[in-house]
Amino acid sequence: MQRLALPRHETRKPDFSLAMVNIVLLLVLFFIVVGAPADPAERDLRLPEVRDLPIEALPRPLLRLTSGDGLVLDGQIVARAALVAAIRQGDGPQVVHLLVARDHDARSVLALSAELGGAGAQVKLVTVRSDPGGRGTE
């Protein structure tokens, strides 16, 4: 009697690519749904603004950066180089409260802060109120 040869079955590896695509799509859908705010009113979030800023109540020395990059220290116009030199010599203020309009150029604010900090002063930023039109006032 002769034995019948059984058909050879090749071992096939399962293909997980379809399952992986389904999982990724479900995760994307999950993050889209969870990432969106539940309440549409939350999208209209506005940061608080100071309406009335009593200049006389602010800490001193107060260094105000004007629109033309001019400096006013406690009501007196001061040259930038003279202020930096006074701080380096120890004659100037060691803590400076910098008052800047919110629409002022950030590069000039950072440059002034770095220059004053490099001279040895501690720089603290103070914000300026804005009028109803949205422009910064000084």
C-alpha atoms as a PDB file:
ATOM      1  CA  MET A   1       0.000   0.000   0.000  1.00  0.00           C
ATOM      2  CA  GLN A   2       1.236   3.371  -0.933  1.00  0.00           C
ATOM      3  CA  ARG A   3       0.925   6.380   1.314  1.00  0.00           C
ATOM      4  CA  LEU A   4      -0.772   9.462   0.031  1.00  0.00           C
ATOM      5  CA  ALA A   5       1.236  12.591   0.245  1.00  0.00           C
ATOM      6  CA  LEU A   6      -0.466  15.300   2.189  1.00  0.00           C
ATOM      7  CA  PRO A   7      -0.514  18.687   0.565  1.00  0.00           C
ATOM      8  CA  ARG A   8       2.186  20.933   1.914  1.00  0.00           C
ATOM      9  CA  HIS A   9       0.861  23.882   3.833  1.00  0.00           C
ATOM     10  CA  GLU A  10       3.084  26.887   3.841  1.00  0.00           C
ATOM     11  CA  THR A  11       3.193  28.677   7.127  1.00  0.00           C
ATOM     12  CA  ARG A  12       1.727  32.088   6.641  1.00  0.00           C
ATOM     13  CA  LYS A  13       2.507  34.951   8.934  1.00  0.00           C
ATOM     14  CA  PRO A  14      -0.540  36.952   9.922  1.00  0.00           C
ATOM     15  CA  ASP A  15      -0.800  40.438   8.437  1.00  0.00           C
ATOM     16  CA  PHE A  16      -1.400  43.056  11.138  1.00  0.00           C
ATOM     17  CA  SER A  17      -1.329  46.125   8.897  1.00  0.00           C
ATOM     18  CA  LEU A  18      -5.119  46.435   8.640  1.00  0.00           C
ATOM     19  CA  ALA A  19      -5.508  46.168  12.402  1.00  0.00           C
ATOM     20  CA  MET A  20      -2.753  48.746  12.908  1.00  0.00           C
ATOM     21  CA  VAL A  21      -4.435  51.204  10.520  1.00  0.00           C
ATOM     22  CA  ASN A  22      -7.735  50.763  12.355  1.00  0.00           C
ATOM     23  CA  ILE A  23      -6.110  51.428  15.716  1.00  0.00           C
ATOM     24  CA  VAL A  24      -4.328  54.544  14.444  1.00  0.00           C
ATOM     25  CA  LEU A  25      -7.533  55.918  12.937  1.00  0.00           C
ATOM     26  CA  LEU A  26      -9.407  55.282  16.179  1.00  0.00           C
ATOM     27  CA  LEU A  27      -6.703  57.083  18.137  1.00  0.00           C
ATOM     28  CA  VAL A  28      -6.826  60.052  15.763  1.00  0.00           C
ATOM     29  CA  LEU A  29     -10.606  60.213  16.112  1.00  0.00           C
ATOM     30  CA  PHE A  30     -10.299  59.963  19.897  1.00  0.00           C
ATOM     31  CA  PHE A  31      -7.824  62.860  20.107  1.00  0.00           C
ATOM     32  CA  ILE A  32      -9.929  65.021  17.804  1.00  0.00           C
ATOM     33  CA  VAL A  33     -13.000  64.513  19.965  1.00  0.00           C
ATOM     34  CA  VAL A  34     -11.209  64.869  23.306  1.00  0.00           C
ATOM     35  CA  GLY A  35      -9.051  67.789  22.184  1.00  0.00           C
ATOM     36  CA  ALA A  36     -11.986  69.990  21.222  1.00  0.00           C
ATOM     37  CA  PRO A  37     -13.464  72.074  24.061  1.00  0.00           C
ATOM     38  CA  ALA A  38     -16.735  70.696  25.307  1.00  0.00           C
ATOM     39  CA  ASP A  39     -18.314  74.128  25.582  1.00  0.00           C
ATOM     40  CA  PRO A  40     -18.066  76.429  22.539  1.00  0.00           C
ATOM     41  CA  ALA A  41     -18.060  79.411  24.923  1.00  0.00           C
ATOM     42  CA  GLU A  42     -14.644  78.280  26.157  1.00  0.00           C
ATOM     43  CA  ARG A  43     -13.187  79.163  22.756  1.00  0.00           C
ATOM     44  CA  ASP A  44     -13.911  82.856  23.368  1.00  0.00           C
ATOM     45  CA  LEU A  45     -11.576  83.023  26.341  1.00  0.00           C
ATOM     46  CA  ARG A  46     -10.157  86.492  26.916  1.00  0.00           C
ATOM     47  CA  LEU A  47      -7.238  87.195  29.158  1.00  0.00           C
ATOM     48  CA  PRO A  48      -7.821  89.708  31.940  1.00  0.00           C
ATOM     49  CA  GLU A  49      -6.706  93.271  31.339  1.00  0.00           C
ATOM     50  CA  VAL A  50      -5.932  96.038  33.746  1.00  0.00           C
ATOM     51  CA  ARG A  51      -8.340  98.913  33.115  1.00  0.00           C
ATOM     52  CA  ASP A  52      -6.991 101.454  35.585  1.00  0.00           C
ATOM     53  CA  LEU A  53      -3.305 101.559  36.343  1.00  0.00           C
ATOM     54  CA  PRO A  54      -2.430 104.116  39.010  1.00  0.00           C
ATOM     55  CA  ILE A  55       1.090 105.114  38.018  1.00  0.00           C
ATOM     56  CA  GLU A  56       1.786 106.594  41.455  1.00  0.00           C
ATOM     57  CA  ALA A  57       1.019 103.251  43.111  1.00  0.00           C
ATOM     58  CA  LEU A  58       3.598 101.331  41.065  1.00  0.00           C
ATOM     59  CA  PRO A  59       6.907 100.344  42.638  1.00  0.00           C
ATOM     60  CA  ARG A  60       9.913 102.597  42.239  1.00  0.00           C
ATOM     61  CA  PRO A  61      12.255 103.073  40.437  1.00  0.00           C
ATOM     62  CA  LEU A  62       9.935 102.909  37.452  1.00  0.00           C
ATOM     63  CA  LEU A  63      11.592 102.902  34.038  1.00  0.00           C
ATOM     64  CA  ARG A  64       9.124 103.590  31.245  1.00  0.00           C
ATOM     65  CA  LEU A  65       9.985 102.600  27.676  1.00  0.00           C
ATOM     66  CA  THR A  66       8.276 105.061  25.345  1.00  0.00           C
ATOM     67  CA  SER A  67       7.174 104.433  21.778  1.00  0.00           C
ATOM     68  CA  GLY A  68      10.406 105.796  20.251  1.00  0.00           C
ATOM     69  CA  ASP A  69      12.601 103.606  22.510  1.00  0.00           C
ATOM     70  CA  GLY A  70      13.145 106.584  24.802  1.00  0.00           C
ATOM     71  CA  LEU A  71      13.530 106.016  28.540  1.00  0.00           C
ATOM     72  CA  VAL A  72      11.799 107.843  31.383  1.00  0.00           C
ATOM     73  CA  LEU A  73      13.029 107.009  34.887  1.00  0.00           C
ATOM     74  CA  ASP A  74      10.595 108.155  37.600  1.00  0.00           C
ATOM     75  CA  GLY A  75       9.324 110.990  35.397  1.00  0.00           C
ATOM     76  CA  GLN A  76      12.759 112.162  34.219  1.00  0.00           C
ATOM     77  CA  ILE A  77      14.030 111.508  30.696  1.00  0.00           C
ATOM     78  CA  VAL A  78      17.260 109.521  30.896  1.00  0.00           C
ATOM     79  CA  ALA A  79      19.760 108.431  28.261  1.00  0.00           C
ATOM     80  CA  ARG A  80      20.167 104.689  27.887  1.00  0.00           C
ATOM     81  CA  ALA A  81      23.971 104.781  28.010  1.00  0.00           C
ATOM     82  CA  ALA A  82      23.973 107.005  31.103  1.00  0.00           C
ATOM     83  CA  LEU A  83      21.571 104.683  32.927  1.00  0.00           C
ATOM     84  CA  VAL A  84      23.625 101.588  32.094  1.00  0.00           C
ATOM     85  CA  ALA A  85      26.836 103.343  33.174  1.00  0.00           C
ATOM     86  CA  ALA A  86      25.244 104.450  36.472  1.00  0.00           C
ATOM     87  CA  ILE A  87      24.080 100.903  37.192  1.00  0.00           C
ATOM     88  CA  ARG A  88      27.552  99.507  36.463  1.00  0.00           C
ATOM     89  CA  GLN A  89      29.170 102.043  38.800  1.00  0.00           C
ATOM     90  CA  GLY A  90      26.665 101.328  41.554  1.00  0.00           C
ATOM     91  CA  ASP A  91      25.147 104.818  41.433  1.00  0.00           C
ATOM     92  CA  GLY A  92      22.019 103.710  39.562  1.00  0.00           C
ATOM     93  CA  PRO A  93      19.115 101.564  40.698  1.00  0.00           C
ATOM     94  CA  GLN A  94      19.840  97.888  41.326  1.00  0.00           C
ATOM     95  CA  VAL A  95      16.198  96.893  40.746  1.00  0.00           C
ATOM     96  CA  VAL A  96      14.391  98.422  37.764  1.00  0.00           C
ATOM     97  CA  HIS A  97      10.641  98.073  37.191  1.00  0.00           C
ATOM     98  CA  LEU A  98      10.220  98.281  33.429  1.00  0.00           C
ATOM     99  CA  LEU A  99       6.886  99.643  32.217  1.00  0.00           C
ATOM    100  CA  VAL A 100       6.152  98.780  28.583  1.00  0.00           C
ATOM    101  CA  ALA A 101       3.074  99.092  26.383  1.00  0.00           C
ATOM    102  CA  ARG A 102       1.723  95.710  25.297  1.00  0.00           C
ATOM    103  CA  ASP A 103       2.095  96.524  21.586  1.00  0.00           C
ATOM    104  CA  HIS A 104       5.738  97.601  21.929  1.00  0.00           C
ATOM    105  CA  ASP A 105       8.367  95.770  19.869  1.00  0.00           C
ATOM    106  CA  ALA A 106       9.519  92.725  21.845  1.00  0.00           C
ATOM    107  CA  ARG A 107      13.058  92.846  20.452  1.00  0.00           C
ATOM    108  CA  SER A 108      13.725  96.295  21.868  1.00  0.00           C
ATOM    109  CA  VAL A 109      12.270  95.246  25.252  1.00  0.00           C
ATOM    110  CA  LEU A 110      14.452  92.140  25.342  1.00  0.00           C
ATOM    111  CA  ALA A 111      17.517  94.104  24.261  1.00  0.00           C
ATOM    112  CA  LEU A 112      16.958  96.712  26.978  1.00  0.00           C
ATOM    113  CA  SER A 113      16.330  94.008  29.604  1.00  0.00           C
ATOM    114  CA  ALA A 114      19.506  92.194  28.597  1.00  0.00           C
ATOM    115  CA  GLU A 115      21.523  95.410  28.670  1.00  0.00           C
ATOM    116  CA  LEU A 116      20.238  96.417  32.112  1.00  0.00           C
ATOM    117  CA  GLY A 117      20.670  92.877  33.421  1.00  0.00           C
ATOM    118  CA  GLY A 118      24.194  92.726  32.033  1.00  0.00           C
ATOM    119  CA  ALA A 119      25.000  95.946  33.868  1.00  0.00           C
ATOM    120  CA  GLY A 120      23.927  94.319  37.145  1.00  0.00           C
ATOM    121  CA  ALA A 121      20.344  95.448  37.621  1.00  0.00           C
ATOM    122  CA  GLN A 122      17.416  93.163  38.330  1.00  0.00           C
ATOM    123  CA  VAL A 123      14.674  93.867  35.761  1.00  0.00           C
ATOM    124  CA  LYS A 124      10.996  93.362  36.612  1.00  0.00           C
ATOM    125  CA  LEU A 125       8.345  93.886  33.932  1.00  0.00           C
ATOM    126  CA  VAL A 126       5.140  95.863  34.522  1.00  0.00           C
ATOM    127  CA  THR A 127       2.293  95.948  31.989  1.00  0.00           C
ATOM    128  CA  VAL A 128       0.484  99.006  30.695  1.00  0.00           C
ATOM    129  CA  ARG A 129      -3.296  99.216  30.489  1.00  0.00           C
ATOM    130  CA  SER A 130      -4.960  99.356  27.101  1.00  0.00           C
ATOM    131  CA  ASP A 131      -7.773 101.621  26.007  1.00  0.00           C
ATOM    132  CA  PRO A 132     -11.059 100.192  24.618  1.00  0.00           C
ATOM    133  CA  GLY A 133      -9.674 100.548  21.084  1.00  0.00           C
ATOM    134  CA  GLY A 134      -7.010  97.967  21.897  1.00  0.00           C
ATOM    135  CA  ARG A 135      -4.018 100.270  21.501  1.00  0.00           C
ATOM    136  CA  GLY A 136      -1.566 100.542  24.357  1.00  0.00           C
ATOM    137  CA  THR A 137      -1.476 103.828  26.234  1.00  0.00           C
ATOM    138  CA  GLU A 138       1.436 105.345  28.061  1.00  0.00           C
END
